[in-house]
Amino acid sequence: MAHESLLEAAVVAVTDEKWGERPLAAVVFKEGTEPVTYEELRGFLAETIARWQLPERWVTLPSVPKTSVGKFDKKVLRGQYAAGELEVTTL
């Protein structure tokens, strides 16, 4: 969420045929900011995290699902991914 174009971001582990699990990044862009690509966001992350931790799967959401106490509800995100409800871009 440190990127200036992001309002919210959450990363969850999703199944991967080759590695078992890989990260899926769910992002919410701030209104009125310059458009940024998933490749640019991945490059931004590459400056601070290991290459094997970089997400290949990305999805843009209007908001990240939250629990009743306001925390990101990663169970809902994983469920939406498993049900095919998210429009995922793979880099």
PDB file of N, CA and C in Angstrom:
ATOM      1  N   MET A   1       0.820  -1.190   0.000  1.00  0.00           N
ATOM      2  CA  MET A   1       0.000   0.000   0.000  1.00  0.00           C
ATOM      3  C   MET A   1       0.866   1.256   0.000  1.00  0.00           C
ATOM      4  N   ALA A   2       2.181   1.101  -0.055  1.00  0.00           N
ATOM      5  CA  ALA A   2       3.065   2.256  -0.020  1.00  0.00           C
ATOM      6  C   ALA A   2       3.090   3.032  -1.329  1.00  0.00           C
ATOM      7  N   HIS A   3       2.619   2.442  -2.403  1.00  0.00           N
ATOM      8  CA  HIS A   3       2.622   3.141  -3.697  1.00  0.00           C
ATOM      9  C   HIS A   3       1.588   4.267  -3.660  1.00  0.00           C
ATOM     10  N   GLU A   4       1.968   5.409  -4.194  1.00  0.00           N
ATOM     11  CA  GLU A   4       1.106   6.595  -4.135  1.00  0.00           C
ATOM     12  C   GLU A   4      -0.216   6.450  -4.880  1.00  0.00           C
ATOM     13  N   SER A   5      -0.329   5.526  -5.809  1.00  0.00           N
ATOM     14  CA  SER A   5      -1.569   5.339  -6.567  1.00  0.00           C
ATOM     15  C   SER A   5      -2.556   4.401  -5.894  1.00  0.00           C
ATOM     16  N   LEU A   6      -2.142   3.762  -4.795  1.00  0.00           N
ATOM     17  CA  LEU A   6      -3.002   2.766  -4.152  1.00  0.00           C
ATOM     18  C   LEU A   6      -3.697   3.304  -2.914  1.00  0.00           C
ATOM     19  N   LEU A   7      -4.973   2.968  -2.817  1.00  0.00           N
ATOM     20  CA  LEU A   7      -5.748   3.271  -1.620  1.00  0.00           C
ATOM     21  C   LEU A   7      -5.659   2.088  -0.654  1.00  0.00           C
ATOM     22  N   GLU A   8      -5.822   0.883  -1.212  1.00  0.00           N
ATOM     23  CA  GLU A   8      -5.743  -0.352  -0.424  1.00  0.00           C
ATOM     24  C   GLU A   8      -5.065  -1.432  -1.256  1.00  0.00           C
ATOM     25  N   ALA A   9      -4.475  -2.386  -0.556  1.00  0.00           N
ATOM     26  CA  ALA A   9      -3.901  -3.550  -1.230  1.00  0.00           C
ATOM     27  C   ALA A   9      -3.838  -4.699  -0.236  1.00  0.00           C
ATOM     28  N   ALA A  10      -4.121  -5.883  -0.734  1.00  0.00           N
ATOM     29  CA  ALA A  10      -4.031  -7.089   0.088  1.00  0.00           C
ATOM     30  C   ALA A  10      -3.432  -8.195  -0.774  1.00  0.00           C
ATOM     31  N   VAL A  11      -2.647  -9.038  -0.154  1.00  0.00           N
ATOM     32  CA  VAL A  11      -2.033 -10.159  -0.863  1.00  0.00           C
ATOM     33  C   VAL A  11      -2.435 -11.444  -0.147  1.00  0.00           C
ATOM     34  N   VAL A  12      -2.909 -12.410  -0.938  1.00  0.00           N
ATOM     35  CA  VAL A  12      -3.300 -13.706  -0.383  1.00  0.00           C
ATOM     36  C   VAL A  12      -2.624 -14.811  -1.176  1.00  0.00           C
ATOM     37  N   ALA A  13      -2.443 -15.937  -0.541  1.00  0.00           N
ATOM     38  CA  ALA A  13      -1.891 -17.114  -1.222  1.00  0.00           C
ATOM     39  C   ALA A  13      -3.025 -17.830  -1.954  1.00  0.00           C
ATOM     40  N   VAL A  14      -2.765 -18.181  -3.214  1.00  0.00           N
ATOM     41  CA  VAL A  14      -3.728 -18.949  -4.002  1.00  0.00           C
ATOM     42  C   VAL A  14      -3.009 -20.158  -4.584  1.00  0.00           C
ATOM     43  N   THR A  15      -3.767 -21.177  -4.925  1.00  0.00           N
ATOM     44  CA  THR A  15      -3.161 -22.401  -5.434  1.00  0.00           C
ATOM     45  C   THR A  15      -2.441 -22.153  -6.754  1.00  0.00           C
ATOM     46  N   ASP A  16      -1.348 -22.878  -6.928  1.00  0.00           N
ATOM     47  CA  ASP A  16      -0.537 -22.786  -8.141  1.00  0.00           C
ATOM     48  C   ASP A  16      -0.098 -24.198  -8.503  1.00  0.00           C
ATOM     49  N   GLU A  17      -0.280 -24.555  -9.777  1.00  0.00           N
ATOM     50  CA  GLU A  17       0.060 -25.913 -10.205  1.00  0.00           C
ATOM     51  C   GLU A  17       1.530 -26.239 -10.020  1.00  0.00           C
ATOM     52  N   LYS A  18       2.402 -25.303 -10.316  1.00  0.00           N
ATOM     53  CA  LYS A  18       3.836 -25.561 -10.260  1.00  0.00           C
ATOM     54  C   LYS A  18       4.401 -25.478  -8.836  1.00  0.00           C
ATOM     55  N   TRP A  19       4.012 -24.446  -8.093  1.00  0.00           N
ATOM     56  CA  TRP A  19       4.629 -24.166  -6.795  1.00  0.00           C
ATOM     57  C   TRP A  19       3.745 -24.503  -5.594  1.00  0.00           C
ATOM     58  N   GLY A  20       2.520 -24.916  -5.817  1.00  0.00           N
ATOM     59  CA  GLY A  20       1.619 -25.216  -4.701  1.00  0.00           C
ATOM     60  C   GLY A  20       0.809 -23.990  -4.321  1.00  0.00           C
ATOM     61  N   GLU A  21       1.504 -22.892  -3.996  1.00  0.00           N
ATOM     62  CA  GLU A  21       0.863 -21.620  -3.678  1.00  0.00           C
ATOM     63  C   GLU A  21       1.709 -20.474  -4.223  1.00  0.00           C
ATOM     64  N   ARG A  22       1.031 -19.406  -4.630  1.00  0.00           N
ATOM     65  CA  ARG A  22       1.692 -18.185  -5.094  1.00  0.00           C
ATOM     66  C   ARG A  22       0.819 -17.004  -4.661  1.00  0.00           C
ATOM     67  N   PRO A  23       1.410 -15.815  -4.571  1.00  0.00           N
ATOM     68  CA  PRO A  23       0.631 -14.660  -4.134  1.00  0.00           C
ATOM     69  C   PRO A  23      -0.276 -14.086  -5.220  1.00  0.00           C
ATOM     70  N   LEU A  24      -1.444 -13.642  -4.788  1.00  0.00           N
ATOM     71  CA  LEU A  24      -2.382 -12.879  -5.606  1.00  0.00           C
ATOM     72  C   LEU A  24      -2.488 -11.504  -4.954  1.00  0.00           C
ATOM     73  N   ALA A  25      -2.221 -10.449  -5.720  1.00  0.00           N
ATOM     74  CA  ALA A  25      -2.325  -9.086  -5.204  1.00  0.00           C
ATOM     75  C   ALA A  25      -3.657  -8.487  -5.618  1.00  0.00           C
ATOM     76  N   ALA A  26      -4.429  -8.030  -4.644  1.00  0.00           N
ATOM     77  CA  ALA A  26      -5.697  -7.347  -4.885  1.00  0.00           C
ATOM     78  C   ALA A  26      -5.483  -5.878  -4.547  1.00  0.00           C
ATOM     79  N   VAL A  27      -5.719  -5.000  -5.523  1.00  0.00           N
ATOM     80  CA  VAL A  27      -5.423  -3.589  -5.323  1.00  0.00           C
ATOM     81  C   VAL A  27      -6.654  -2.721  -5.562  1.00  0.00           C
ATOM     82  N   VAL A  28      -6.685  -1.598  -4.859  1.00  0.00           N
ATOM     83  CA  VAL A  28      -7.711  -0.580  -5.028  1.00  0.00           C
ATOM     84  C   VAL A  28      -6.972   0.717  -5.321  1.00  0.00           C
ATOM     85  N   PHE A  29      -7.239   1.292  -6.487  1.00  0.00           N
ATOM     86  CA  PHE A  29      -6.570   2.525  -6.878  1.00  0.00           C
ATOM     87  C   PHE A  29      -7.284   3.746  -6.308  1.00  0.00           C
ATOM     88  N   LYS A  30      -6.494   4.763  -5.951  1.00  0.00           N
ATOM     89  CA  LYS A  30      -7.055   6.036  -5.506  1.00  0.00           C
ATOM     90  C   LYS A  30      -7.698   6.730  -6.707  1.00  0.00           C
ATOM     91  N   GLU A  31      -8.807   7.381  -6.464  1.00  0.00           N
ATOM     92  CA  GLU A  31      -9.438   8.158  -7.525  1.00  0.00           C
ATOM     93  C   GLU A  31      -8.589   9.389  -7.805  1.00  0.00           C
ATOM     94  N   GLY A  32      -8.488   9.730  -9.090  1.00  0.00           N
ATOM     95  CA  GLY A  32      -7.784  10.935  -9.470  1.00  0.00           C
ATOM     96  C   GLY A  32      -6.271  10.814  -9.564  1.00  0.00           C
ATOM     97  N   THR A  33      -5.731   9.599  -9.422  1.00  0.00           N
ATOM     98  CA  THR A  33      -4.285   9.421  -9.545  1.00  0.00           C
ATOM     99  C   THR A  33      -3.945   8.995 -10.964  1.00  0.00           C
ATOM    100  N   GLU A  34      -2.693   9.166 -11.318  1.00  0.00           N
ATOM    101  CA  GLU A  34      -2.220   8.736 -12.632  1.00  0.00           C
ATOM    102  C   GLU A  34      -2.381   7.222 -12.754  1.00  0.00           C
ATOM    103  N   PRO A  35      -2.827   6.749 -13.919  1.00  0.00           N
ATOM    104  CA  PRO A  35      -2.946   5.291 -14.091  1.00  0.00           C
ATOM    105  C   PRO A  35      -1.581   4.616 -13.967  1.00  0.00           C
ATOM    106  N   VAL A  36      -1.580   3.476 -13.346  1.00  0.00           N
ATOM    107  CA  VAL A  36      -0.351   2.694 -13.178  1.00  0.00           C
ATOM    108  C   VAL A  36      -0.671   1.249 -13.547  1.00  0.00           C
ATOM    109  N   THR A  37       0.282   0.570 -14.163  1.00  0.00           N
ATOM    110  CA  THR A  37       0.068  -0.812 -14.593  1.00  0.00           C
ATOM    111  C   THR A  37       0.489  -1.777 -13.497  1.00  0.00           C
ATOM    112  N   TYR A  38       0.028  -3.023 -13.649  1.00  0.00           N
ATOM    113  CA  TYR A  38       0.463  -4.059 -12.716  1.00  0.00           C
ATOM    114  C   TYR A  38       1.968  -4.269 -12.823  1.00  0.00           C
ATOM    115  N   GLU A  39       2.510  -4.147 -14.028  1.00  0.00           N
ATOM    116  CA  GLU A  39       3.958  -4.293 -14.217  1.00  0.00           C
ATOM    117  C   GLU A  39       4.711  -3.240 -13.421  1.00  0.00           C
ATOM    118  N   GLU A  40       4.181  -1.999 -13.421  1.00  0.00           N
ATOM    119  CA  GLU A  40       4.820  -0.931 -12.645  1.00  0.00           C
ATOM    120  C   GLU A  40       4.738  -1.208 -11.147  1.00  0.00           C
ATOM    121  N   LEU A  41       3.590  -1.696 -10.703  1.00  0.00           N
ATOM    122  CA  LEU A  41       3.448  -2.041  -9.284  1.00  0.00           C
ATOM    123  C   LEU A  41       4.397  -3.172  -8.905  1.00  0.00           C
ATOM    124  N   ARG A  42       4.519  -4.152  -9.789  1.00  0.00           N
ATOM    125  CA  ARG A  42       5.435  -5.275  -9.537  1.00  0.00           C
ATOM    126  C   ARG A  42       6.878  -4.757  -9.452  1.00  0.00           C
ATOM    127  N   GLY A  43       7.245  -3.839 -10.341  1.00  0.00           N
ATOM    128  CA  GLY A  43       8.571  -3.232 -10.297  1.00  0.00           C
ATOM    129  C   GLY A  43       8.794  -2.450  -9.013  1.00  0.00           C
ATOM    130  N   PHE A  44       7.759  -1.757  -8.546  1.00  0.00           N
ATOM    131  CA  PHE A  44       7.838  -1.019  -7.286  1.00  0.00           C
ATOM    132  C   PHE A  44       8.109  -1.982  -6.131  1.00  0.00           C
ATOM    133  N   LEU A  45       7.410  -3.109  -6.121  1.00  0.00           N
ATOM    134  CA  LEU A  45       7.611  -4.113  -5.071  1.00  0.00           C
ATOM    135  C   LEU A  45       8.991  -4.765  -5.159  1.00  0.00           C
ATOM    136  N   ALA A  46       9.495  -4.921  -6.380  1.00  0.00           N
ATOM    137  CA  ALA A  46      10.787  -5.591  -6.583  1.00  0.00           C
ATOM    138  C   ALA A  46      11.934  -4.852  -5.912  1.00  0.00           C
ATOM    139  N   GLU A  47      11.728  -3.578  -5.609  1.00  0.00           N
ATOM    140  CA  GLU A  47      12.759  -2.795  -4.935  1.00  0.00           C
ATOM    141  C   GLU A  47      12.913  -3.177  -3.467  1.00  0.00           C
ATOM    142  N   THR A  48      11.893  -3.819  -2.899  1.00  0.00           N
ATOM    143  CA  THR A  48      11.931  -4.088  -1.458  1.00  0.00           C
ATOM    144  C   THR A  48      11.708  -5.537  -1.052  1.00  0.00           C
ATOM    145  N   ILE A  49      11.200  -6.387  -1.954  1.00  0.00           N
ATOM    146  CA  ILE A  49      10.976  -7.780  -1.561  1.00  0.00           C
ATOM    147  C   ILE A  49      11.669  -8.730  -2.531  1.00  0.00           C
ATOM    148  N   ALA A  50      11.862  -9.939  -2.087  1.00  0.00           N
ATOM    149  CA  ALA A  50      12.550 -10.948  -2.894  1.00  0.00           C
ATOM    150  C   ALA A  50      11.755 -11.288  -4.148  1.00  0.00           C
ATOM    151  N   ARG A  51      12.455 -11.641  -5.201  1.00  0.00           N
ATOM    152  CA  ARG A  51      11.828 -11.937  -6.497  1.00  0.00           C
ATOM    153  C   ARG A  51      10.783 -13.043  -6.401  1.00  0.00           C
ATOM    154  N   TRP A  52      11.075 -14.077  -5.614  1.00  0.00           N
ATOM    155  CA  TRP A  52      10.142 -15.200  -5.516  1.00  0.00           C
ATOM    156  C   TRP A  52       8.863 -14.824  -4.779  1.00  0.00           C
ATOM    157  N   GLN A  53       8.856 -13.678  -4.085  1.00  0.00           N
ATOM    158  CA  GLN A  53       7.663 -13.218  -3.378  1.00  0.00           C
ATOM    159  C   GLN A  53       6.772 -12.324  -4.230  1.00  0.00           C
ATOM    160  N   LEU A  54       7.244 -11.914  -5.399  1.00  0.00           N
ATOM    161  CA  LEU A  54       6.486 -10.992  -6.245  1.00  0.00           C
ATOM    162  C   LEU A  54       5.263 -11.678  -6.839  1.00  0.00           C
ATOM    163  N   PRO A  55       4.102 -11.051  -6.728  1.00  0.00           N
ATOM    164  CA  PRO A  55       2.890 -11.646  -7.304  1.00  0.00           C
ATOM    165  C   PRO A  55       2.923 -11.644  -8.828  1.00  0.00           C
ATOM    166  N   GLU A  56       2.421 -12.729  -9.414  1.00  0.00           N
ATOM    167  CA  GLU A  56       2.184 -12.782 -10.854  1.00  0.00           C
ATOM    168  C   GLU A  56       0.709 -12.530 -11.144  1.00  0.00           C
ATOM    169  N   ARG A  57      -0.143 -12.790 -10.173  1.00  0.00           N
ATOM    170  CA  ARG A  57      -1.591 -12.644 -10.345  1.00  0.00           C
ATOM    171  C   ARG A  57      -2.033 -11.345  -9.672  1.00  0.00           C
ATOM    172  N   TRP A  58      -2.805 -10.547 -10.440  1.00  0.00           N
ATOM    173  CA  TRP A  58      -3.252  -9.240  -9.962  1.00  0.00           C
ATOM    174  C   TRP A  58      -4.732  -9.066 -10.260  1.00  0.00           C
ATOM    175  N   VAL A  59      -5.414  -8.356  -9.376  1.00  0.00           N
ATOM    176  CA  VAL A  59      -6.821  -8.034  -9.589  1.00  0.00           C
ATOM    177  C   VAL A  59      -7.088  -6.644  -9.006  1.00  0.00           C
ATOM    178  N   THR A  60      -7.910  -5.873  -9.718  1.00  0.00           N
ATOM    179  CA  THR A  60      -8.334  -4.562  -9.229  1.00  0.00           C
ATOM    180  C   THR A  60      -9.743  -4.697  -8.675  1.00  0.00           C
ATOM    181  N   LEU A  61      -9.940  -4.155  -7.483  1.00  0.00           N
ATOM    182  CA  LEU A  61     -11.240  -4.222  -6.812  1.00  0.00           C
ATOM    183  C   LEU A  61     -11.725  -2.810  -6.480  1.00  0.00           C
ATOM    184  N   PRO A  62     -13.038  -2.636  -6.323  1.00  0.00           N
ATOM    185  CA  PRO A  62     -13.544  -1.340  -5.866  1.00  0.00           C
ATOM    186  C   PRO A  62     -13.190  -1.095  -4.396  1.00  0.00           C
ATOM    187  N   SER A  63     -13.088  -2.177  -3.625  1.00  0.00           N
ATOM    188  CA  SER A  63     -12.625  -2.123  -2.235  1.00  0.00           C
ATOM    189  C   SER A  63     -12.244  -3.541  -1.816  1.00  0.00           C
ATOM    190  N   VAL A  64     -11.329  -3.641  -0.878  1.00  0.00           N
ATOM    191  CA  VAL A  64     -10.928  -4.946  -0.356  1.00  0.00           C
ATOM    192  C   VAL A  64     -11.994  -5.387   0.656  1.00  0.00           C
ATOM    193  N   PRO A  65     -12.478  -6.632   0.547  1.00  0.00           N
ATOM    194  CA  PRO A  65     -13.477  -7.104   1.525  1.00  0.00           C
ATOM    195  C   PRO A  65     -12.932  -6.993   2.944  1.00  0.00           C
ATOM    196  N   LYS A  66     -13.820  -6.632   3.872  1.00  0.00           N
ATOM    197  CA  LYS A  66     -13.401  -6.447   5.258  1.00  0.00           C
ATOM    198  C   LYS A  66     -14.282  -7.242   6.212  1.00  0.00           C
ATOM    199  N   THR A  67     -13.703  -7.575   7.351  1.00  0.00           N
ATOM    200  CA  THR A  67     -14.441  -8.259   8.410  1.00  0.00           C
ATOM    201  C   THR A  67     -15.300  -7.240   9.153  1.00  0.00           C
ATOM    202  N   SER A  68     -16.057  -7.704  10.114  1.00  0.00           N
ATOM    203  CA  SER A  68     -16.930  -6.817  10.891  1.00  0.00           C
ATOM    204  C   SER A  68     -16.143  -5.795  11.717  1.00  0.00           C
ATOM    205  N   VAL A  69     -14.860  -6.062  11.964  1.00  0.00           N
ATOM    206  CA  VAL A  69     -14.039  -5.111  12.720  1.00  0.00           C
ATOM    207  C   VAL A  69     -13.115  -4.286  11.813  1.00  0.00           C
ATOM    208  N   GLY A  70     -13.311  -4.399  10.485  1.00  0.00           N
ATOM    209  CA  GLY A  70     -12.580  -3.552   9.550  1.00  0.00           C
ATOM    210  C   GLY A  70     -11.266  -4.087   9.029  1.00  0.00           C
ATOM    211  N   LYS A  71     -10.904  -5.317   9.397  1.00  0.00           N
ATOM    212  CA  LYS A  71      -9.670  -5.909   8.867  1.00  0.00           C
ATOM    213  C   LYS A  71      -9.945  -6.513   7.497  1.00  0.00           C
ATOM    214  N   PHE A  72      -8.892  -6.605   6.662  1.00  0.00           N
ATOM    215  CA  PHE A  72      -9.057  -7.241   5.352  1.00  0.00           C
ATOM    216  C   PHE A  72      -9.487  -8.690   5.547  1.00  0.00           C
ATOM    217  N   ASP A  73     -10.525  -9.097   4.830  1.00  0.00           N
ATOM    218  CA  ASP A  73     -11.043 -10.454   4.944  1.00  0.00           C
ATOM    219  C   ASP A  73     -10.429 -11.316   3.839  1.00  0.00           C
ATOM    220  N   LYS A  74      -9.279 -11.877   4.140  1.00  0.00           N
ATOM    221  CA  LYS A  74      -8.551 -12.661   3.152  1.00  0.00           C
ATOM    222  C   LYS A  74      -9.258 -13.973   2.811  1.00  0.00           C
ATOM    223  N   LYS A  75     -10.062 -14.481   3.727  1.00  0.00           N
ATOM    224  CA  LYS A  75     -10.846 -15.687   3.423  1.00  0.00           C
ATOM    225  C   LYS A  75     -11.825 -15.411   2.277  1.00  0.00           C
ATOM    226  N   VAL A  76     -12.444 -14.257   2.294  1.00  0.00           N
ATOM    227  CA  VAL A  76     -13.377 -13.882   1.226  1.00  0.00           C
ATOM    228  C   VAL A  76     -12.625 -13.754  -0.096  1.00  0.00           C
ATOM    229  N   LEU A  77     -11.455 -13.107  -0.079  1.00  0.00           N
ATOM    230  CA  LEU A  77     -10.656 -12.971  -1.301  1.00  0.00           C
ATOM    231  C   LEU A  77     -10.282 -14.334  -1.877  1.00  0.00           C
ATOM    232  N   ARG A  78      -9.791 -15.225  -1.027  1.00  0.00           N
ATOM    233  CA  ARG A  78      -9.425 -16.570  -1.494  1.00  0.00           C
ATOM    234  C   ARG A  78     -10.647 -17.299  -2.054  1.00  0.00           C
ATOM    235  N   GLY A  79     -11.793 -17.148  -1.402  1.00  0.00           N
ATOM    236  CA  GLY A  79     -13.024 -17.774  -1.865  1.00  0.00           C
ATOM    237  C   GLY A  79     -13.474 -17.224  -3.213  1.00  0.00           C
ATOM    238  N   GLN A  80     -13.369 -15.910  -3.385  1.00  0.00           N
ATOM    239  CA  GLN A  80     -13.729 -15.295  -4.669  1.00  0.00           C
ATOM    240  C   GLN A  80     -12.811 -15.794  -5.782  1.00  0.00           C
ATOM    241  N   TYR A  81     -11.536 -15.932  -5.480  1.00  0.00           N
ATOM    242  CA  TYR A  81     -10.586 -16.441  -6.473  1.00  0.00           C
ATOM    243  C   TYR A  81     -10.924 -17.886  -6.839  1.00  0.00           C
ATOM    244  N   ALA A  82     -11.144 -18.719  -5.826  1.00  0.00           N
ATOM    245  CA  ALA A  82     -11.430 -20.141  -6.055  1.00  0.00           C
ATOM    246  C   ALA A  82     -12.722 -20.324  -6.853  1.00  0.00           C
ATOM    247  N   ALA A  83     -13.694 -19.439  -6.654  1.00  0.00           N
ATOM    248  CA  ALA A  83     -14.983 -19.527  -7.358  1.00  0.00           C
ATOM    249  C   ALA A  83     -14.924 -18.910  -8.746  1.00  0.00           C
ATOM    250  N   GLY A  84     -13.792 -18.323  -9.103  1.00  0.00           N
ATOM    251  CA  GLY A  84     -13.657 -17.706 -10.425  1.00  0.00           C
ATOM    252  C   GLY A  84     -14.387 -16.381 -10.547  1.00  0.00           C
ATOM    253  N   GLU A  85     -14.634 -15.714  -9.425  1.00  0.00           N
ATOM    254  CA  GLU A  85     -15.389 -14.466  -9.420  1.00  0.00           C
ATOM    255  C   GLU A  85     -14.526 -13.234  -9.704  1.00  0.00           C
ATOM    256  N   LEU A  86     -13.214 -13.407  -9.705  1.00  0.00           N
ATOM    257  CA  LEU A  86     -12.316 -12.258  -9.902  1.00  0.00           C
ATOM    258  C   LEU A  86     -11.737 -12.263 -11.318  1.00  0.00           C
ATOM    259  N   GLU A  87     -11.600 -11.081 -11.887  1.00  0.00           N
ATOM    260  CA  GLU A  87     -10.978 -10.935 -13.193  1.00  0.00           C
ATOM    261  C   GLU A  87      -9.469 -10.754 -12.979  1.00  0.00           C
ATOM    262  N   VAL A  88      -8.754 -11.861 -12.996  1.00  0.00           N
ATOM    263  CA  VAL A  88      -7.340 -11.886 -12.648  1.00  0.00           C
ATOM    264  C   VAL A  88      -6.472 -11.704 -13.885  1.00  0.00           C
ATOM    265  N   THR A  89      -5.457 -10.861 -13.742  1.00  0.00           N
ATOM    266  CA  THR A  89      -4.446 -10.690 -14.788  1.00  0.00           C
ATOM    267  C   THR A  89      -3.188 -11.392 -14.311  1.00  0.00           C
ATOM    268  N   THR A  90      -2.628 -12.241 -15.155  1.00  0.00           N
ATOM    269  CA  THR A  90      -1.380 -12.947 -14.828  1.00  0.00           C
ATOM    270  C   THR A  90      -0.255 -12.347 -15.650  1.00  0.00           C
ATOM    271  N   LEU A  91       0.799 -11.950 -14.953  1.00  0.00           N
ATOM    272  CA  LEU A  91       1.963 -11.360 -15.626  1.00  0.00           C
ATOM    273  C   LEU A  91       2.966 -12.432 -15.993  1.00  0.00           C
TER     274      LEU A  91
END
